[in-house]
Amino acid sequence: MSAPEHPVLTRVAILSEARSWIGTPYLHRASLKGHGADCLGLVRGVWRALVGPEPEPLPAYAPDWAEAGRRETLADTARRCLAAVPVDAAQPGDVLLFRFRAHLPAKHAAILSDGMRMIHAYDGASVCETALSPWWRRRLAFAFAFPGVEQAPAPAPISRT
């Protein structure tokens, strides 16, 4: 069986769609623009808008799932559905995954909007575009490109400090 075909995406389209979610209230496990989304819900919504139906059913997850399971569930799913890229080569439109503690699995997702900003949702806030501050850069664990995304010239690396 061959790999599924995906439309050619542009990074501009990914960022436009992600930015259209800004202001959507945070709601755990939700993915409905304007009504509610968590960090994964934002990525799922961008996928649905630009790629098509979600490739896998959403598993149940509690806010403490990474601490409880200690498995790289989010990164493993991303590896199946997205294209892994080196963290220091991430480009605008790529999905970033973060670890809140070095010994725990990655459990937060964002979409890189430029080398110093990201679009994400987190508890207590709506979907927003914020600085990829040193605090976030130190916790950056993985980067992935949407399937079929155009390859742009290599950007300046993301500094981890």
N, C-alpha and C. Protein backbone atom coordinates (compact mmCIF):
# COMPACT_ATOMS: atom_id res chain seq x y z
N MET A 1 0.85 -1.17 0.00
CA MET A 1 0.00 0.00 0.00
C MET A 1 0.90 1.23 0.00
N SER A 2 0.61 2.19 -0.85
CA SER A 2 1.43 3.39 -0.92
C SER A 2 0.97 4.42 0.11
N ALA A 3 1.85 5.37 0.38
CA ALA A 3 1.53 6.43 1.34
C ALA A 3 0.40 7.29 0.78
N PRO A 4 -0.43 7.85 1.67
CA PRO A 4 -1.53 8.69 1.19
C PRO A 4 -1.00 9.95 0.53
N GLU A 5 -1.72 10.44 -0.45
CA GLU A 5 -1.36 11.67 -1.14
C GLU A 5 -1.86 12.86 -0.33
N HIS A 6 -1.05 13.89 -0.24
CA HIS A 6 -1.44 15.11 0.46
C HIS A 6 -1.27 16.27 -0.51
N PRO A 7 -2.11 17.27 -0.42
CA PRO A 7 -1.96 18.44 -1.28
C PRO A 7 -0.67 19.18 -0.95
N VAL A 8 -0.16 19.92 -1.92
CA VAL A 8 1.00 20.75 -1.67
C VAL A 8 0.53 21.92 -0.81
N LEU A 9 1.21 22.13 0.29
CA LEU A 9 0.87 23.21 1.21
C LEU A 9 1.91 24.31 1.12
N THR A 10 1.50 25.50 1.46
CA THR A 10 2.47 26.58 1.61
C THR A 10 2.54 26.96 3.07
N ARG A 11 3.68 27.44 3.46
CA ARG A 11 3.84 27.89 4.84
C ARG A 11 2.95 29.10 5.10
N VAL A 12 2.74 29.92 4.09
CA VAL A 12 1.85 31.08 4.22
C VAL A 12 0.44 30.60 4.55
N ALA A 13 -0.04 29.54 3.88
CA ALA A 13 -1.39 29.02 4.15
C ALA A 13 -1.48 28.46 5.57
N ILE A 14 -0.44 27.76 6.02
CA ILE A 14 -0.44 27.21 7.38
C ILE A 14 -0.53 28.35 8.40
N LEU A 15 0.29 29.37 8.21
CA LEU A 15 0.29 30.49 9.16
C LEU A 15 -1.01 31.27 9.11
N SER A 16 -1.56 31.44 7.94
CA SER A 16 -2.84 32.15 7.81
C SER A 16 -3.94 31.39 8.56
N GLU A 17 -3.99 30.08 8.37
CA GLU A 17 -5.00 29.28 9.07
C GLU A 17 -4.77 29.31 10.57
N ALA A 18 -3.52 29.12 11.01
CA ALA A 18 -3.23 29.12 12.46
C ALA A 18 -3.61 30.48 13.06
N ARG A 19 -3.27 31.55 12.38
CA ARG A 19 -3.61 32.89 12.92
C ARG A 19 -5.12 33.11 12.96
N SER A 20 -5.86 32.44 12.09
CA SER A 20 -7.32 32.61 12.11
C SER A 20 -7.94 32.01 13.38
N TRP A 21 -7.18 31.22 14.12
CA TRP A 21 -7.62 30.63 15.38
C TRP A 21 -7.34 31.54 16.57
N ILE A 22 -6.54 32.59 16.39
CA ILE A 22 -6.18 33.47 17.50
C ILE A 22 -7.45 34.03 18.13
N GLY A 23 -7.49 33.97 19.45
CA GLY A 23 -8.66 34.40 20.21
C GLY A 23 -9.60 33.27 20.57
N THR A 24 -9.43 32.09 19.96
CA THR A 24 -10.25 30.94 20.34
C THR A 24 -9.94 30.57 21.79
N PRO A 25 -10.94 30.50 22.65
CA PRO A 25 -10.68 30.21 24.07
C PRO A 25 -10.04 28.83 24.26
N TYR A 26 -9.22 28.73 25.32
CA TYR A 26 -8.64 27.44 25.67
C TYR A 26 -9.74 26.52 26.18
N LEU A 27 -9.79 25.32 25.66
CA LEU A 27 -10.70 24.29 26.15
C LEU A 27 -10.02 22.95 25.94
N HIS A 28 -9.75 22.25 27.03
CA HIS A 28 -9.05 20.96 26.99
C HIS A 28 -9.74 20.00 26.01
N ARG A 29 -8.97 19.38 25.13
CA ARG A 29 -9.38 18.38 24.13
C ARG A 29 -10.26 18.94 23.01
N ALA A 30 -10.51 20.23 22.98
CA ALA A 30 -11.38 20.81 21.95
C ALA A 30 -10.57 21.22 20.72
N SER A 31 -11.28 21.34 19.60
CA SER A 31 -10.65 21.75 18.34
C SER A 31 -11.71 22.37 17.43
N LEU A 32 -12.31 23.46 17.89
CA LEU A 32 -13.34 24.14 17.10
C LEU A 32 -13.05 25.64 17.11
N LYS A 33 -12.60 26.13 15.96
CA LYS A 33 -12.20 27.52 15.82
C LYS A 33 -13.29 28.46 16.33
N GLY A 34 -12.89 29.40 17.16
CA GLY A 34 -13.82 30.38 17.70
C GLY A 34 -14.56 29.92 18.93
N HIS A 35 -14.55 28.62 19.20
CA HIS A 35 -15.30 28.08 20.34
C HIS A 35 -14.40 27.49 21.42
N GLY A 36 -13.36 26.75 21.03
CA GLY A 36 -12.48 26.17 22.03
C GLY A 36 -11.41 25.29 21.40
N ALA A 37 -10.20 25.37 21.95
CA ALA A 37 -9.10 24.53 21.48
C ALA A 37 -8.03 24.46 22.56
N ASP A 38 -7.36 23.32 22.60
CA ASP A 38 -6.13 23.24 23.38
C ASP A 38 -4.98 23.25 22.37
N CYS A 39 -3.75 23.05 22.81
CA CYS A 39 -2.62 23.16 21.89
C CYS A 39 -2.70 22.13 20.77
N LEU A 40 -3.07 20.91 21.10
CA LEU A 40 -3.22 19.88 20.08
C LEU A 40 -4.43 20.17 19.19
N GLY A 41 -5.49 20.71 19.78
CA GLY A 41 -6.67 21.06 19.00
C GLY A 41 -6.38 22.08 17.93
N LEU A 42 -5.48 23.03 18.21
CA LEU A 42 -5.07 24.00 17.20
C LEU A 42 -4.41 23.29 16.03
N VAL A 43 -3.46 22.42 16.30
CA VAL A 43 -2.76 21.69 15.23
C VAL A 43 -3.75 20.82 14.47
N ARG A 44 -4.65 20.16 15.18
CA ARG A 44 -5.66 19.32 14.52
C ARG A 44 -6.54 20.16 13.60
N GLY A 45 -6.94 21.36 14.06
CA GLY A 45 -7.79 22.22 13.26
C GLY A 45 -7.09 22.72 12.01
N VAL A 46 -5.82 23.06 12.12
CA VAL A 46 -5.06 23.49 10.94
C VAL A 46 -4.95 22.31 9.97
N TRP A 47 -4.69 21.12 10.50
CA TRP A 47 -4.63 19.91 9.65
C TRP A 47 -5.93 19.74 8.87
N ARG A 48 -7.06 19.77 9.58
CA ARG A 48 -8.35 19.56 8.91
C ARG A 48 -8.60 20.60 7.83
N ALA A 49 -8.25 21.84 8.09
CA ALA A 49 -8.50 22.91 7.13
C ALA A 49 -7.63 22.79 5.89
N LEU A 50 -6.41 22.29 6.04
CA LEU A 50 -5.46 22.32 4.93
C LEU A 50 -5.09 20.97 4.35
N VAL A 51 -5.19 19.92 5.16
CA VAL A 51 -4.78 18.59 4.69
C VAL A 51 -6.00 17.70 4.45
N GLY A 52 -6.97 17.73 5.37
CA GLY A 52 -8.16 16.91 5.23
C GLY A 52 -8.52 16.27 6.56
N PRO A 53 -9.28 15.18 6.51
CA PRO A 53 -9.69 14.51 7.75
C PRO A 53 -8.48 14.10 8.60
N GLU A 54 -8.68 14.14 9.90
CA GLU A 54 -7.59 13.77 10.80
C GLU A 54 -7.16 12.33 10.54
N PRO A 55 -5.86 12.06 10.56
CA PRO A 55 -5.36 10.73 10.19
C PRO A 55 -5.57 9.66 11.25
N GLU A 56 -5.80 10.06 12.49
CA GLU A 56 -5.98 9.11 13.58
C GLU A 56 -7.06 9.62 14.51
N PRO A 57 -7.80 8.71 15.14
CA PRO A 57 -8.77 9.17 16.14
C PRO A 57 -8.05 9.78 17.34
N LEU A 58 -8.68 10.74 17.96
CA LEU A 58 -8.11 11.39 19.12
C LEU A 58 -8.27 10.48 20.33
N PRO A 59 -7.15 10.10 20.97
CA PRO A 59 -7.28 9.27 22.17
C PRO A 59 -7.69 10.13 23.36
N ALA A 60 -8.22 9.49 24.36
CA ALA A 60 -8.53 10.19 25.60
C ALA A 60 -7.21 10.65 26.23
N TYR A 61 -7.20 11.86 26.74
CA TYR A 61 -6.03 12.31 27.48
C TYR A 61 -6.45 13.32 28.54
N ALA A 62 -5.89 13.15 29.71
CA ALA A 62 -6.13 14.05 30.83
C ALA A 62 -5.03 15.10 30.83
N PRO A 63 -5.21 16.20 31.54
CA PRO A 63 -4.15 17.21 31.57
C PRO A 63 -2.80 16.68 32.05
N ASP A 64 -2.78 15.64 32.87
CA ASP A 64 -1.52 15.10 33.38
C ASP A 64 -1.07 13.82 32.65
N TRP A 65 -1.54 13.61 31.42
CA TRP A 65 -1.26 12.36 30.70
C TRP A 65 0.23 12.10 30.54
N ALA A 66 1.05 13.10 30.28
CA ALA A 66 2.48 12.87 30.06
C ALA A 66 3.16 12.44 31.35
N GLU A 67 2.77 13.05 32.45
CA GLU A 67 3.36 12.69 33.73
C GLU A 67 2.97 11.28 34.13
N ALA A 68 1.74 10.91 33.84
CA ALA A 68 1.24 9.59 34.22
C ALA A 68 1.80 8.48 33.33
N GLY A 69 1.87 8.71 32.02
CA GLY A 69 2.26 7.65 31.10
C GLY A 69 3.74 7.51 30.85
N ARG A 70 4.47 8.62 30.93
CA ARG A 70 5.92 8.63 30.70
C ARG A 70 6.32 8.08 29.33
N ARG A 71 5.42 8.12 28.35
CA ARG A 71 5.74 7.70 26.98
C ARG A 71 5.65 8.92 26.08
N GLU A 72 6.41 8.92 25.00
CA GLU A 72 6.40 10.03 24.04
C GLU A 72 5.21 9.89 23.09
N THR A 73 4.01 9.85 23.65
CA THR A 73 2.79 9.64 22.87
C THR A 73 2.60 10.73 21.82
N LEU A 74 2.77 11.98 22.20
CA LEU A 74 2.57 13.09 21.27
C LEU A 74 3.62 13.06 20.16
N ALA A 75 4.87 12.86 20.51
CA ALA A 75 5.94 12.81 19.50
C ALA A 75 5.79 11.59 18.60
N ASP A 76 5.42 10.45 19.17
CA ASP A 76 5.23 9.25 18.35
C ASP A 76 4.11 9.43 17.33
N THR A 77 3.02 10.06 17.75
CA THR A 77 1.92 10.34 16.83
C THR A 77 2.38 11.32 15.75
N ALA A 78 3.10 12.35 16.15
CA ALA A 78 3.60 13.32 15.18
C ALA A 78 4.51 12.64 14.15
N ARG A 79 5.33 11.71 14.59
CA ARG A 79 6.22 10.99 13.65
C ARG A 79 5.41 10.19 12.61
N ARG A 80 4.25 9.69 13.01
CA ARG A 80 3.43 8.91 12.07
C ARG A 80 2.71 9.82 11.07
N CYS A 81 2.39 11.05 11.47
CA CYS A 81 1.52 11.90 10.67
C CYS A 81 2.23 13.09 10.00
N LEU A 82 3.35 13.48 10.54
CA LEU A 82 4.09 14.65 10.07
C LEU A 82 5.50 14.22 9.68
N ALA A 83 6.26 15.14 9.14
CA ALA A 83 7.65 14.85 8.75
C ALA A 83 8.59 15.46 9.78
N ALA A 84 9.39 14.63 10.44
CA ALA A 84 10.34 15.13 11.43
C ALA A 84 11.37 16.02 10.77
N VAL A 85 11.70 17.11 11.42
CA VAL A 85 12.77 18.01 10.97
C VAL A 85 13.66 18.30 12.18
N PRO A 86 14.94 18.57 11.95
CA PRO A 86 15.79 18.94 13.08
C PRO A 86 15.25 20.21 13.74
N VAL A 87 15.26 20.23 15.06
CA VAL A 87 14.72 21.38 15.79
C VAL A 87 15.38 22.68 15.32
N ASP A 88 16.68 22.65 15.12
CA ASP A 88 17.37 23.89 14.73
C ASP A 88 17.14 24.27 13.27
N ALA A 89 16.40 23.45 12.53
CA ALA A 89 16.07 23.77 11.14
C ALA A 89 14.57 24.03 10.96
N ALA A 90 13.83 24.14 12.07
CA ALA A 90 12.38 24.39 11.98
C ALA A 90 12.13 25.71 11.26
N GLN A 91 11.06 25.70 10.46
CA GLN A 91 10.70 26.87 9.67
C GLN A 91 9.29 27.31 10.02
N PRO A 92 8.93 28.56 9.71
CA PRO A 92 7.56 29.01 9.95
C PRO A 92 6.56 28.02 9.36
N GLY A 93 5.55 27.70 10.15
CA GLY A 93 4.55 26.71 9.72
C GLY A 93 4.80 25.32 10.26
N ASP A 94 5.98 25.09 10.83
CA ASP A 94 6.28 23.77 11.40
C ASP A 94 5.68 23.66 12.80
N VAL A 95 5.40 22.43 13.19
CA VAL A 95 4.84 22.12 14.51
C VAL A 95 6.01 21.89 15.47
N LEU A 96 5.95 22.55 16.61
CA LEU A 96 6.96 22.40 17.65
C LEU A 96 6.35 21.66 18.83
N LEU A 97 7.13 20.77 19.44
CA LEU A 97 6.69 20.07 20.65
C LEU A 97 7.67 20.39 21.78
N PHE A 98 7.12 20.61 22.96
CA PHE A 98 7.90 21.04 24.11
C PHE A 98 7.73 20.08 25.28
N ARG A 99 8.81 19.95 26.07
CA ARG A 99 8.79 19.23 27.35
C ARG A 99 8.77 20.29 28.45
N PHE A 100 7.91 20.13 29.43
CA PHE A 100 7.91 21.07 30.54
C PHE A 100 9.02 20.75 31.54
N ARG A 101 9.44 19.48 31.57
CA ARG A 101 10.58 19.08 32.40
C ARG A 101 11.42 18.10 31.57
N ALA A 102 12.72 18.17 31.74
CA ALA A 102 13.65 17.38 30.92
C ALA A 102 13.37 15.88 30.99
N HIS A 103 12.91 15.37 32.12
CA HIS A 103 12.71 13.93 32.30
C HIS A 103 11.31 13.47 31.89
N LEU A 104 10.47 14.39 31.42
CA LEU A 104 9.09 14.05 31.04
C LEU A 104 8.91 14.10 29.53
N PRO A 105 7.91 13.38 29.01
CA PRO A 105 7.63 13.43 27.58
C PRO A 105 7.14 14.82 27.15
N ALA A 106 7.29 15.11 25.88
CA ALA A 106 6.75 16.35 25.31
C ALA A 106 5.24 16.32 25.44
N LYS A 107 4.65 17.48 25.83
CA LYS A 107 3.19 17.50 25.99
C LYS A 107 2.56 18.82 25.56
N HIS A 108 3.33 19.70 24.94
CA HIS A 108 2.77 20.97 24.47
C HIS A 108 3.15 21.15 23.01
N ALA A 109 2.19 21.62 22.21
CA ALA A 109 2.41 21.83 20.78
C ALA A 109 2.18 23.29 20.42
N ALA A 110 2.90 23.74 19.41
CA ALA A 110 2.74 25.09 18.88
C ALA A 110 3.10 25.06 17.41
N ILE A 111 2.75 26.12 16.71
CA ILE A 111 3.14 26.28 15.31
C ILE A 111 4.08 27.47 15.24
N LEU A 112 5.28 27.25 14.72
CA LEU A 112 6.27 28.31 14.61
C LEU A 112 5.77 29.35 13.61
N SER A 113 5.74 30.63 14.02
CA SER A 113 5.26 31.66 13.10
C SER A 113 6.41 32.45 12.48
N ASP A 114 7.51 32.53 13.15
CA ASP A 114 8.77 33.02 12.59
C ASP A 114 9.84 32.54 13.55
N GLY A 115 11.08 32.90 13.35
CA GLY A 115 12.13 32.36 14.20
C GLY A 115 12.02 32.70 15.67
N MET A 116 11.21 33.70 16.00
CA MET A 116 11.12 34.15 17.38
C MET A 116 9.70 34.17 17.95
N ARG A 117 8.73 33.64 17.22
CA ARG A 117 7.32 33.66 17.67
C ARG A 117 6.65 32.33 17.36
N MET A 118 5.57 32.05 18.09
CA MET A 118 4.82 30.82 17.87
C MET A 118 3.35 31.09 18.15
N ILE A 119 2.50 30.24 17.57
CA ILE A 119 1.06 30.29 17.78
C ILE A 119 0.71 29.03 18.56
N HIS A 120 0.00 29.21 19.70
CA HIS A 120 -0.33 28.06 20.54
C HIS A 120 -1.47 28.42 21.48
N ALA A 121 -1.95 27.41 22.18
CA ALA A 121 -3.00 27.59 23.19
C ALA A 121 -2.51 26.94 24.46
N TYR A 122 -2.82 27.56 25.58
CA TYR A 122 -2.47 26.93 26.85
C TYR A 122 -3.50 27.31 27.89
N ASP A 123 -3.58 26.46 28.91
CA ASP A 123 -4.59 26.62 29.94
C ASP A 123 -4.56 28.02 30.53
N GLY A 124 -5.71 28.65 30.59
CA GLY A 124 -5.82 29.98 31.14
C GLY A 124 -5.70 31.08 30.10
N ALA A 125 -5.49 30.71 28.83
CA ALA A 125 -5.35 31.71 27.77
C ALA A 125 -6.03 31.20 26.51
N SER A 126 -6.29 32.09 25.60
CA SER A 126 -6.84 31.70 24.31
C SER A 126 -5.68 31.37 23.37
N VAL A 127 -6.02 30.90 22.16
CA VAL A 127 -4.99 30.72 21.14
C VAL A 127 -4.36 32.10 20.91
N CYS A 128 -3.04 32.14 20.93
CA CYS A 128 -2.35 33.42 20.81
C CYS A 128 -1.03 33.23 20.06
N GLU A 129 -0.48 34.34 19.63
CA GLU A 129 0.85 34.35 19.03
C GLU A 129 1.77 35.04 20.02
N THR A 130 2.76 34.31 20.48
CA THR A 130 3.63 34.82 21.53
C THR A 130 5.09 34.64 21.16
N ALA A 131 5.95 35.27 21.94
CA ALA A 131 7.39 35.13 21.74
C ALA A 131 7.83 33.70 22.02
N LEU A 132 8.74 33.23 21.21
CA LEU A 132 9.41 31.96 21.47
C LEU A 132 10.59 32.33 22.37
N SER A 133 10.25 32.61 23.61
CA SER A 133 11.21 33.15 24.59
C SER A 133 12.26 32.11 24.95
N PRO A 134 13.33 32.54 25.62
CA PRO A 134 14.33 31.57 26.05
C PRO A 134 13.73 30.44 26.89
N TRP A 135 12.72 30.75 27.72
CA TRP A 135 12.08 29.70 28.52
C TRP A 135 11.51 28.62 27.61
N TRP A 136 10.80 29.00 26.56
CA TRP A 136 10.23 28.03 25.62
C TRP A 136 11.33 27.34 24.81
N ARG A 137 12.31 28.09 24.34
CA ARG A 137 13.37 27.49 23.51
C ARG A 137 14.13 26.40 24.26
N ARG A 138 14.35 26.61 25.57
CA ARG A 138 15.04 25.58 26.36
C ARG A 138 14.23 24.30 26.46
N ARG A 139 12.93 24.36 26.30
CA ARG A 139 12.05 23.20 26.44
C ARG A 139 11.67 22.57 25.10
N LEU A 140 12.14 23.15 24.01
CA LEU A 140 11.83 22.64 22.68
C LEU A 140 12.47 21.27 22.47
N ALA A 141 11.65 20.28 22.15
CA ALA A 141 12.14 18.90 22.04
C ALA A 141 12.07 18.33 20.63
N PHE A 142 11.06 18.71 19.85
CA PHE A 142 10.85 18.13 18.53
C PHE A 142 10.29 19.19 17.59
N ALA A 143 10.52 18.98 16.29
CA ALA A 143 9.90 19.82 15.26
C ALA A 143 9.45 18.92 14.12
N PHE A 144 8.32 19.27 13.52
CA PHE A 144 7.73 18.48 12.44
C PHE A 144 7.12 19.40 11.40
N ALA A 145 7.16 18.98 10.15
CA ALA A 145 6.52 19.72 9.07
C ALA A 145 5.24 19.00 8.67
N PHE A 146 4.23 19.78 8.28
CA PHE A 146 3.01 19.19 7.75
C PHE A 146 3.34 18.43 6.47
N PRO A 147 2.59 17.37 6.16
CA PRO A 147 2.87 16.62 4.93
C PRO A 147 2.61 17.50 3.71
N GLY A 148 3.52 17.42 2.75
CA GLY A 148 3.35 18.16 1.51
C GLY A 148 3.73 19.62 1.58
N VAL A 149 4.26 20.08 2.74
CA VAL A 149 4.61 21.49 2.85
C VAL A 149 5.78 21.80 1.94
N GLU A 150 5.72 22.97 1.34
CA GLU A 150 6.81 23.40 0.47
C GLU A 150 8.09 23.55 1.28
N GLN A 151 9.19 23.28 0.66
CA GLN A 151 10.47 23.46 1.34
C GLN A 151 11.04 24.82 0.98
N ALA A 152 11.24 25.63 1.98
CA ALA A 152 11.79 26.96 1.79
C ALA A 152 13.29 26.90 2.07
N PRO A 153 14.02 27.94 1.68
CA PRO A 153 15.44 27.97 2.03
C PRO A 153 15.60 27.86 3.54
N ALA A 154 16.69 27.26 3.95
CA ALA A 154 16.93 27.05 5.39
C ALA A 154 16.94 28.38 6.12
N PRO A 155 16.20 28.46 7.23
CA PRO A 155 16.17 29.70 8.02
C PRO A 155 17.36 29.74 8.98
N ALA A 156 17.48 30.86 9.66
CA ALA A 156 18.46 30.94 10.73
C ALA A 156 18.04 29.95 11.81
N PRO A 157 18.97 29.23 12.41
CA PRO A 157 18.61 28.25 13.42
C PRO A 157 17.93 28.90 14.61
N ILE A 158 17.06 28.12 15.28
CA ILE A 158 16.43 28.57 16.51
C ILE A 158 17.46 28.42 17.62
N SER A 159 17.76 29.50 18.28
CA SER A 159 18.71 29.46 19.40
C SER A 159 18.02 28.84 20.60
N ARG A 160 18.73 28.00 21.34
CA ARG A 160 18.15 27.36 22.53
C ARG A 160 18.36 28.20 23.78
N THR A 161 18.99 29.35 23.67
CA THR A 161 19.23 30.18 24.86
C THR A 161 18.45 31.45 24.82
